[in-house]
PDB file of N, CA and C in Angstrom:
ATOM      1  N   MET A   1      95.107  84.463  76.666  1.00  0.00           N
ATOM      2  CA  MET A   1      94.766  83.931  77.986  1.00  0.00           C
ATOM      3  C   MET A   1      94.722  82.411  77.942  1.00  0.00           C
ATOM      4  N   ASP A   2      95.130  81.788  79.034  1.00  0.00           N
ATOM      5  CA  ASP A   2      95.057  80.340  79.075  1.00  0.00           C
ATOM      6  C   ASP A   2      93.693  79.904  79.611  1.00  0.00           C
ATOM      7  N   ALA A   3      93.456  78.617  79.622  1.00  0.00           N
ATOM      8  CA  ALA A   3      92.153  78.083  80.020  1.00  0.00           C
ATOM      9  C   ALA A   3      91.831  78.350  81.486  1.00  0.00           C
ATOM     10  N   GLU A   4      92.870  78.572  82.312  1.00  0.00           N
ATOM     11  CA  GLU A   4      92.631  78.787  83.735  1.00  0.00           C
ATOM     12  C   GLU A   4      92.313  80.238  84.084  1.00  0.00           C
ATOM     13  N   THR A   5      92.616  81.193  83.195  1.00  0.00           N
ATOM     14  CA  THR A   5      92.372  82.597  83.476  1.00  0.00           C
ATOM     15  C   THR A   5      90.935  82.938  83.114  1.00  0.00           C
ATOM     16  N   PRO A   6      90.121  83.342  84.112  1.00  0.00           N
ATOM     17  CA  PRO A   6      88.723  83.656  83.802  1.00  0.00           C
ATOM     18  C   PRO A   6      88.614  84.978  83.037  1.00  0.00           C
ATOM     19  N   THR A   7      87.623  85.072  82.171  1.00  0.00           N
ATOM     20  CA  THR A   7      87.340  86.306  81.467  1.00  0.00           C
ATOM     21  C   THR A   7      86.386  87.111  82.327  1.00  0.00           C
ATOM     22  N   LEU A   8      86.773  88.337  82.648  1.00  0.00           N
ATOM     23  CA  LEU A   8      85.946  89.186  83.494  1.00  0.00           C
ATOM     24  C   LEU A   8      84.898  89.899  82.662  1.00  0.00           C
ATOM     25  N   LYS A   9      83.674  89.976  83.209  1.00  0.00           N
ATOM     26  CA  LYS A   9      82.603  90.725  82.551  1.00  0.00           C
ATOM     27  C   LYS A   9      82.862  92.211  82.788  1.00  0.00           C
ATOM     28  N   VAL A  10      82.796  92.997  81.730  1.00  0.00           N
ATOM     29  CA  VAL A  10      83.079  94.429  81.811  1.00  0.00           C
ATOM     30  C   VAL A  10      81.800  95.191  82.166  1.00  0.00           C
ATOM     31  N   ILE A  11      81.893  96.017  83.206  1.00  0.00           N
ATOM     32  CA  ILE A  11      80.781  96.870  83.633  1.00  0.00           C
ATOM     33  C   ILE A  11      80.906  98.188  82.881  1.00  0.00           C
ATOM     34  N   ARG A  12      79.884  98.518  82.062  1.00  0.00           N
ATOM     35  CA  ARG A  12      79.921  99.726  81.253  1.00  0.00           C
ATOM     36  C   ARG A  12      79.046 100.857  81.799  1.00  0.00           C
ATOM     37  N   ALA A  13      78.243 100.574  82.822  1.00  0.00           N
ATOM     38  CA  ALA A  13      77.377 101.598  83.428  1.00  0.00           C
ATOM     39  C   ALA A  13      77.251 101.303  84.918  1.00  0.00           C
ATOM     40  N   TRP A  14      77.196 102.366  85.726  1.00  0.00           N
ATOM     41  CA  TRP A  14      77.128 102.182  87.182  1.00  0.00           C
ATOM     42  C   TRP A  14      75.898 101.399  87.603  1.00  0.00           C
ATOM     43  N   LYS A  15      74.807 101.490  86.823  1.00  0.00           N
ATOM     44  CA  LYS A  15      73.580 100.767  87.192  1.00  0.00           C
ATOM     45  C   LYS A  15      73.755  99.252  87.124  1.00  0.00           C
ATOM     46  N   GLU A  16      74.812  98.792  86.493  1.00  0.00           N
ATOM     47  CA  GLU A  16      75.103  97.360  86.429  1.00  0.00           C
ATOM     48  C   GLU A  16      75.723  96.836  87.726  1.00  0.00           C
ATOM     49  N   VAL A  17      76.146  97.737  88.597  1.00  0.00           N
ATOM     50  CA  VAL A  17      76.757  97.325  89.869  1.00  0.00           C
ATOM     51  C   VAL A  17      75.636  97.226  90.909  1.00  0.00           C
ATOM     52  N   PRO A  18      75.400  96.037  91.428  1.00  0.00           N
ATOM     53  CA  PRO A  18      74.305  95.875  92.403  1.00  0.00           C
ATOM     54  C   PRO A  18      74.693  96.373  93.795  1.00  0.00           C
ATOM     55  N   SER A  19      73.699  96.458  94.674  1.00  0.00           N
ATOM     56  CA  SER A  19      73.967  96.701  96.094  1.00  0.00           C
ATOM     57  C   SER A  19      74.352  95.357  96.693  1.00  0.00           C
ATOM     58  N   PHE A  20      75.298  95.374  97.609  1.00  0.00           N
ATOM     59  CA  PHE A  20      75.788  94.122  98.174  1.00  0.00           C
ATOM     60  C   PHE A  20      75.345  93.995  99.619  1.00  0.00           C
ATOM     61  N   GLU A  21      74.913  92.798  99.984  1.00  0.00           N
ATOM     62  CA  GLU A  21      74.490  92.517 101.354  1.00  0.00           C
ATOM     63  C   GLU A  21      75.688  92.324 102.281  1.00  0.00           C
ATOM     64  N   THR A  22      76.760  91.739 101.721  1.00  0.00           N
ATOM     65  CA  THR A  22      77.931  91.428 102.548  1.00  0.00           C
ATOM     66  C   THR A  22      79.212  91.758 101.780  1.00  0.00           C
ATOM     67  N   ASP A  23      80.310  91.865 102.516  1.00  0.00           N
ATOM     68  CA  ASP A  23      81.610  92.060 101.888  1.00  0.00           C
ATOM     69  C   ASP A  23      81.969  90.858 101.014  1.00  0.00           C
ATOM     70  N   GLU A  24      81.562  89.684 101.455  1.00  0.00           N
ATOM     71  CA  GLU A  24      81.859  88.474 100.692  1.00  0.00           C
ATOM     72  C   GLU A  24      81.154  88.511  99.340  1.00  0.00           C
ATOM     73  N   ALA A  25      79.893  88.952  99.327  1.00  0.00           N
ATOM     74  CA  ALA A  25      79.141  89.039  98.067  1.00  0.00           C
ATOM     75  C   ALA A  25      79.795  90.052  97.129  1.00  0.00           C
ATOM     76  N   GLU A  26      80.255  91.170  97.689  1.00  0.00           N
ATOM     77  CA  GLU A  26      80.930  92.176  96.865  1.00  0.00           C
ATOM     78  C   GLU A  26      82.244  91.625  96.310  1.00  0.00           C
ATOM     79  N   GLY A  27      82.999  90.919  97.158  1.00  0.00           N
ATOM     80  CA  GLY A  27      84.252  90.325  96.710  1.00  0.00           C
ATOM     81  C   GLY A  27      84.041  89.332  95.581  1.00  0.00           C
ATOM     82  N   LYS A  28      83.006  88.498  95.701  1.00  0.00           N
ATOM     83  CA  LYS A  28      82.704  87.509  94.659  1.00  0.00           C
ATOM     84  C   LYS A  28      82.335  88.210  93.353  1.00  0.00           C
ATOM     85  N   PHE A  29      81.530  89.273  93.456  1.00  0.00           N
ATOM     86  CA  PHE A  29      81.130  90.022  92.263  1.00  0.00           C
ATOM     87  C   PHE A  29      82.356  90.583  91.542  1.00  0.00           C
ATOM     88  N   TRP A  30      83.231  91.263  92.306  1.00  0.00           N
ATOM     89  CA  TRP A  30      84.396  91.906  91.672  1.00  0.00           C
ATOM     90  C   TRP A  30      85.443  90.894  91.224  1.00  0.00           C
ATOM     91  N   ALA A  31      85.385  89.673  91.717  1.00  0.00           N
ATOM     92  CA  ALA A  31      86.283  88.630  91.226  1.00  0.00           C
ATOM     93  C   ALA A  31      85.883  88.203  89.811  1.00  0.00           C
ATOM     94  N   GLU A  32      84.628  88.506  89.432  1.00  0.00           N
ATOM     95  CA  GLU A  32      84.108  88.095  88.127  1.00  0.00           C
ATOM     96  C   GLU A  32      83.839  89.277  87.193  1.00  0.00           C
ATOM     97  N   HIS A  33      83.987  90.500  87.686  1.00  0.00           N
ATOM     98  CA  HIS A  33      83.666  91.694  86.903  1.00  0.00           C
ATOM     99  C   HIS A  33      84.789  92.723  86.990  1.00  0.00           C
ATOM    100  N   GLN A  34      84.819  93.640  86.037  1.00  0.00           N
ATOM    101  CA  GLN A  34      85.747  94.770  86.081  1.00  0.00           C
ATOM    102  C   GLN A  34      85.065  95.984  85.466  1.00  0.00           C
ATOM    103  N   LEU A  35      85.498  97.182  85.892  1.00  0.00           N
ATOM    104  CA  LEU A  35      84.945  98.414  85.341  1.00  0.00           C
ATOM    105  C   LEU A  35      85.575  98.732  83.999  1.00  0.00           C
ATOM    106  N   ASP A  36      84.767  99.224  83.083  1.00  0.00           N
ATOM    107  CA  ASP A  36      85.263  99.733  81.811  1.00  0.00           C
ATOM    108  C   ASP A  36      86.156 100.936  82.110  1.00  0.00           C
ATOM    109  N   GLY A  37      87.274 101.037  81.422  1.00  0.00           N
ATOM    110  CA  GLY A  37      88.205 102.138  81.637  1.00  0.00           C
ATOM    111  C   GLY A  37      87.568 103.506  81.466  1.00  0.00           C
ATOM    112  N   ARG A  38      86.650 103.627  80.509  1.00  0.00           N
ATOM    113  CA  ARG A  38      85.980 104.927  80.298  1.00  0.00           C
ATOM    114  C   ARG A  38      85.095 105.289  81.473  1.00  0.00           C
ATOM    115  N   LEU A  39      84.462 104.297  82.084  1.00  0.00           N
ATOM    116  CA  LEU A  39      83.624 104.549  83.259  1.00  0.00           C
ATOM    117  C   LEU A  39      84.482 105.021  84.417  1.00  0.00           C
ATOM    118  N   MET A  40      85.660 104.436  84.568  1.00  0.00           N
ATOM    119  CA  MET A  40      86.571 104.863  85.631  1.00  0.00           C
ATOM    120  C   MET A  40      87.035 106.297  85.383  1.00  0.00           C
ATOM    121  N   GLN A  41      87.353 106.645  84.129  1.00  0.00           N
ATOM    122  CA  GLN A  41      87.797 108.006  83.818  1.00  0.00           C
ATOM    123  C   GLN A  41      86.704 109.024  84.092  1.00  0.00           C
ATOM    124  N   MET A  42      85.449 108.662  83.829  1.00  0.00           N
ATOM    125  CA  MET A  42      84.336 109.577  84.080  1.00  0.00           C
ATOM    126  C   MET A  42      84.141 109.813  85.572  1.00  0.00           C
ATOM    127  N   ALA A  43      84.580 108.873  86.400  1.00  0.00           N
ATOM    128  CA  ALA A  43      84.406 108.987  87.847  1.00  0.00           C
ATOM    129  C   ALA A  43      85.438 109.896  88.484  1.00  0.00           C
ATOM    130  N   VAL A  44      86.524 110.214  87.771  1.00  0.00           N
ATOM    131  CA  VAL A  44      87.577 111.066  88.301  1.00  0.00           C
ATOM    132  C   VAL A  44      87.145 112.517  88.140  1.00  0.00           C
ATOM    133  N   HIS A  45      87.111 113.266  89.255  1.00  0.00           N
ATOM    134  CA  HIS A  45      86.717 114.673  89.197  1.00  0.00           C
ATOM    135  C   HIS A  45      87.869 115.507  88.666  1.00  0.00           C
ATOM    136  N   ARG A  46      87.587 116.241  87.624  1.00  0.00           N
ATOM    137  CA  ARG A  46      88.564 117.179  87.073  1.00  0.00           C
ATOM    138  C   ARG A  46      87.978 118.570  87.206  1.00  0.00           C
ATOM    139  N   PRO A  47      88.488 119.351  88.122  1.00  0.00           N
ATOM    140  CA  PRO A  47      87.919 120.685  88.293  1.00  0.00           C
ATOM    141  C   PRO A  47      88.077 121.509  87.023  1.00  0.00           C
ATOM    142  N   ASP A  48      87.001 122.154  86.660  1.00  0.00           N
ATOM    143  CA  ASP A  48      86.999 123.040  85.504  1.00  0.00           C
ATOM    144  C   ASP A  48      87.702 124.331  85.900  1.00  0.00           C
ATOM    145  N   VAL A  49      88.578 124.812  85.054  1.00  0.00           N
ATOM    146  CA  VAL A  49      89.314 126.034  85.352  1.00  0.00           C
ATOM    147  C   VAL A  49      88.348 127.180  85.635  1.00  0.00           C
ATOM    148  N   ARG A  50      87.217 127.186  84.968  1.00  0.00           N
ATOM    149  CA  ARG A  50      86.232 128.249  85.172  1.00  0.00           C
ATOM    150  C   ARG A  50      85.592 128.191  86.553  1.00  0.00           C
ATOM    151  N   GLU A  51      85.714 127.046  87.239  1.00  0.00           N
ATOM    152  CA  GLU A  51      85.137 126.904  88.576  1.00  0.00           C
ATOM    153  C   GLU A  51      86.009 127.562  89.637  1.00  0.00           C
ATOM    154  N   SER A  52      87.170 128.047  89.261  1.00  0.00           N
ATOM    155  CA  SER A  52      88.138 128.529  90.223  1.00  0.00           C
ATOM    156  C   SER A  52      88.567 129.954  89.887  1.00  0.00           C
ATOM    157  N   THR A  53      88.734 130.758  90.922  1.00  0.00           N
ATOM    158  CA  THR A  53      89.214 132.125  90.763  1.00  0.00           C
ATOM    159  C   THR A  53      90.479 132.287  91.578  1.00  0.00           C
ATOM    160  N   THR A  54      91.474 132.876  90.983  1.00  0.00           N
ATOM    161  CA  THR A  54      92.732 133.111  91.681  1.00  0.00           C
ATOM    162  C   THR A  54      92.625 134.393  92.498  1.00  0.00           C
ATOM    163  N   ILE A  55      93.082 134.324  93.759  1.00  0.00           N
ATOM    164  CA  ILE A  55      93.122 135.496  94.617  1.00  0.00           C
ATOM    165  C   ILE A  55      94.510 135.612  95.227  1.00  0.00           C
ATOM    166  N   THR A  56      94.787 136.751  95.810  1.00  0.00           N
ATOM    167  CA  THR A  56      96.059 136.952  96.495  1.00  0.00           C
ATOM    168  C   THR A  56      95.785 137.249  97.956  1.00  0.00           C
ATOM    169  N   LEU A  57      96.452 136.531  98.841  1.00  0.00           N
ATOM    170  CA  LEU A  57      96.358 136.775 100.280  1.00  0.00           C
ATOM    171  C   LEU A  57      97.751 137.094 100.800  1.00  0.00           C
ATOM    172  N   ARG A  58      97.818 138.018 101.716  1.00  0.00           N
ATOM    173  CA  ARG A  58      99.102 138.339 102.339  1.00  0.00           C
ATOM    174  C   ARG A  58      99.116 137.727 103.732  1.00  0.00           C
ATOM    175  N   PHE A  59     100.186 136.975 104.018  1.00  0.00           N
ATOM    176  CA  PHE A  59     100.347 136.337 105.314  1.00  0.00           C
ATOM    177  C   PHE A  59     101.621 136.840 105.966  1.00  0.00           C
ATOM    178  N   ASP A  60     101.590 136.880 107.273  1.00  0.00           N
ATOM    179  CA  ASP A  60     102.815 137.083 108.029  1.00  0.00           C
ATOM    180  C   ASP A  60     103.704 135.881 107.712  1.00  0.00           C
ATOM    181  N   PRO A  61     104.977 136.091 107.417  1.00  0.00           N
ATOM    182  CA  PRO A  61     105.859 134.974 107.038  1.00  0.00           C
ATOM    183  C   PRO A  61     105.906 133.849 108.066  1.00  0.00           C
ATOM    184  N   ARG A  62     105.846 134.208 109.354  1.00  0.00           N
ATOM    185  CA  ARG A  62     105.872 133.158 110.391  1.00  0.00           C
ATOM    186  C   ARG A  62     104.603 132.321 110.347  1.00  0.00           C
ATOM    187  N   MET A  63     103.467 132.986 110.120  1.00  0.00           N
ATOM    188  CA  MET A  63     102.212 132.249 110.035  1.00  0.00           C
ATOM    189  C   MET A  63     102.240 131.300 108.833  1.00  0.00           C
ATOM    190  N   LEU A  64     102.698 131.789 107.701  1.00  0.00           N
ATOM    191  CA  LEU A  64     102.754 130.947 106.508  1.00  0.00           C
ATOM    192  C   LEU A  64     103.695 129.761 106.729  1.00  0.00           C
ATOM    193  N   SER A  65     104.804 129.984 107.394  1.00  0.00           N
ATOM    194  CA  SER A  65     105.720 128.874 107.700  1.00  0.00           C
ATOM    195  C   SER A  65     105.047 127.826 108.561  1.00  0.00           C
ATOM    196  N   ARG A  66     104.283 128.281 109.550  1.00  0.00           N
ATOM    197  CA  ARG A  66     103.572 127.330 110.425  1.00  0.00           C
ATOM    198  C   ARG A  66     102.529 126.556 109.639  1.00  0.00           C
ATOM    199  N   ILE A  67     101.806 127.235 108.747  1.00  0.00           N
ATOM    200  CA  ILE A  67     100.802 126.566 107.915  1.00  0.00           C
ATOM    201  C   ILE A  67     101.471 125.505 107.037  1.00  0.00           C
ATOM    202  N   LYS A  68     102.577 125.847 106.421  1.00  0.00           N
ATOM    203  CA  LYS A  68     103.287 124.896 105.558  1.00  0.00           C
ATOM    204  C   LYS A  68     103.783 123.695 106.347  1.00  0.00           C
ATOM    205  N   ARG A  69     104.256 123.944 107.565  1.00  0.00           N
ATOM    206  CA  ARG A  69     104.742 122.843 108.405  1.00  0.00           C
ATOM    207  C   ARG A  69     103.596 121.885 108.750  1.00  0.00           C
ATOM    208  N   ILE A  70     102.440 122.443 109.114  1.00  0.00           N
ATOM    209  CA  ILE A  70     101.265 121.605 109.414  1.00  0.00           C
ATOM    210  C   ILE A  70     100.879 120.797 108.179  1.00  0.00           C
ATOM    211  N   ALA A  71     100.860 121.447 107.034  1.00  0.00           N
ATOM    212  CA  ALA A  71     100.486 120.763 105.794  1.00  0.00           C
ATOM    213  C   ALA A  71     101.451 119.622 105.481  1.00  0.00           C
ATOM    214  N   ARG A  72     102.750 119.866 105.657  1.00  0.00           N
ATOM    215  CA  ARG A  72     103.736 118.800 105.405  1.00  0.00           C
ATOM    216  C   ARG A  72     103.502 117.609 106.312  1.00  0.00           C
ATOM    217  N   ARG A  73     103.194 117.875 107.593  1.00  0.00           N
ATOM    218  CA  ARG A  73     102.924 116.763 108.529  1.00  0.00           C
ATOM    219  C   ARG A  73     101.723 115.947 108.083  1.00  0.00           C
ATOM    220  N   ARG A  74     100.782 116.594 107.409  1.00  0.00           N
ATOM    221  CA  ARG A  74      99.568 115.908 106.941  1.00  0.00           C
ATOM    222  C   ARG A  74      99.699 115.420 105.501  1.00  0.00           C
ATOM    223  N   TYR A  75     100.883 115.588 104.911  1.00  0.00           N
ATOM    224  CA  TYR A  75     101.131 115.197 103.523  1.00  0.00           C
ATOM    225  C   TYR A  75     100.156 115.884 102.568  1.00  0.00           C
ATOM    226  N   LEU A  76      99.912 117.177 102.802  1.00  0.00           N
ATOM    227  CA  LEU A  76      99.013 117.970 101.976  1.00  0.00           C
ATOM    228  C   LEU A  76      99.755 119.138 101.354  1.00  0.00           C
ATOM    229  N   ASN A  77      99.234 119.630 100.276  1.00  0.00           N
ATOM    230  CA  ASN A  77      99.671 120.889  99.703  1.00  0.00           C
ATOM    231  C   ASN A  77      99.109 121.982 100.610  1.00  0.00           C
ATOM    232  N   TYR A  78      99.912 122.959 100.985  1.00  0.00           N
ATOM    233  CA  TYR A  78      99.442 123.948 101.952  1.00  0.00           C
ATOM    234  C   TYR A  78      98.278 124.774 101.413  1.00  0.00           C
ATOM    235  N   GLN A  79      98.260 125.037 100.105  1.00  0.00           N
ATOM    236  CA  GLN A  79      97.151 125.802  99.538  1.00  0.00           C
ATOM    237  C   GLN A  79      95.850 125.001  99.606  1.00  0.00           C
ATOM    238  N   SER A  80      95.931 123.704  99.320  1.00  0.00           N
ATOM    239  CA  SER A  80      94.749 122.847  99.424  1.00  0.00           C
ATOM    240  C   SER A  80      94.247 122.782 100.859  1.00  0.00           C
ATOM    241  N   MET A  81      95.189 122.717 101.802  1.00  0.00           N
ATOM    242  CA  MET A  81      94.797 122.666 103.207  1.00  0.00           C
ATOM    243  C   MET A  81      94.093 123.958 103.616  1.00  0.00           C
ATOM    244  N   ILE A  82      94.597 125.099 103.168  1.00  0.00           N
ATOM    245  CA  ILE A  82      93.948 126.379 103.485  1.00  0.00           C
ATOM    246  C   ILE A  82      92.531 126.392 102.912  1.00  0.00           C
ATOM    247  N   LYS A  83      92.363 125.920 101.680  1.00  0.00           N
ATOM    248  CA  LYS A  83      91.013 125.868 101.080  1.00  0.00           C
ATOM    249  C   LYS A  83      90.098 124.954 101.882  1.00  0.00           C
ATOM    250  N   GLN A  84      90.651 123.828 102.343  1.00  0.00           N
ATOM    251  CA  GLN A  84      89.859 122.904 103.158  1.00  0.00           C
ATOM    252  C   GLN A  84      89.437 123.580 104.452  1.00  0.00           C
ATOM    253  N   TRP A  85      90.365 124.276 105.111  1.00  0.00           N
ATOM    254  CA  TRP A  85      90.039 124.981 106.349  1.00  0.00           C
ATOM    255  C   TRP A  85      88.949 126.025 106.116  1.00  0.00           C
ATOM    256  N   LEU A  86      89.086 126.790 105.035  1.00  0.00           N
ATOM    257  CA  LEU A  86      88.089 127.820 104.742  1.00  0.00           C
ATOM    258  C   LEU A  86      86.718 127.204 104.479  1.00  0.00           C
ATOM    259  N   SER A  87      86.711 126.100 103.756  1.00  0.00           N
ATOM    260  CA  SER A  87      85.451 125.424 103.463  1.00  0.00           C
ATOM    261  C   SER A  87      84.785 124.917 104.738  1.00  0.00           C
ATOM    262  N   GLU A  88      85.582 124.300 105.619  1.00  0.00           N
ATOM    263  CA  GLU A  88      85.042 123.790 106.890  1.00  0.00           C
ATOM    264  C   GLU A  88      84.496 124.933 107.747  1.00  0.00           C
ATOM    265  N   ARG A  89      85.224 126.029 107.806  1.00  0.00           N
ATOM    266  CA  ARG A  89      84.777 127.173 108.617  1.00  0.00           C
ATOM    267  C   ARG A  89      83.518 127.789 108.026  1.00  0.00           C
ATOM    268  N   MET A  90      83.445 127.875 106.706  1.00  0.00           N
ATOM    269  CA  MET A  90      82.260 128.417 106.067  1.00  0.00           C
ATOM    270  C   MET A  90      81.030 127.573 106.399  1.00  0.00           C
ATOM    271  N   GLU A  91      81.171 126.241 106.336  1.00  0.00           N
ATOM    272  CA  GLU A  91      80.058 125.363 106.690  1.00  0.00           C
ATOM    273  C   GLU A  91      79.642 125.575 108.139  1.00  0.00           C
ATOM    274  N   GLN A  92      80.619 125.721 109.014  1.00  0.00           N
ATOM    275  CA  GLN A  92      80.344 125.962 110.437  1.00  0.00           C
ATOM    276  C   GLN A  92      79.568 127.274 110.597  1.00  0.00           C
ATOM    277  N   GLU A  93      80.001 128.314 109.933  1.00  0.00           N
ATOM    278  CA  GLU A  93      79.325 129.627 110.023  1.00  0.00           C
ATOM    279  C   GLU A  93      77.900 129.557 109.492  1.00  0.00           C
ATOM    280  N   LEU A  94      77.695 128.818 108.412  1.00  0.00           N
ATOM    281  CA  LEU A  94      76.363 128.728 107.829  1.00  0.00           C
ATOM    282  C   LEU A  94      75.401 127.940 108.709  1.00  0.00           C
ATOM    283  N   LYS A  95      75.907 127.027 109.533  1.00  0.00           N
ATOM    284  CA  LYS A  95      75.059 126.247 110.436  1.00  0.00           C
ATOM    285  C   LYS A  95      74.575 127.077 111.609  1.00  0.00           C
ATOM    286  N   GLU A  96      75.335 128.136 111.980  1.00  0.00           N
ATOM    287  CA  GLU A  96      74.996 128.939 113.150  1.00  0.00           C
ATOM    288  C   GLU A  96      73.910 129.933 112.850  1.00  0.00           C
TER     289      GLU A  96
END
């Protein structure tokens, strides 16, 4: 690094990141700090295979085509979109 390139302080724990009063204060902080790569990796959710169960559903082909078309318009995987819909409906049912 040359003399003009600042050395960023590495954040190794989330508790080192303060609460910010303004966007400007947050911008100034991140201009002088960076997250440790391991901390960033820990923040990425990786679903455990054991958390998921495979099931089989039968759909009318026209319905499945419509679902896939909607998913493509939303730039989603159609299976993920179906899971999202089911989750939203389940929450709605539990509130009633």
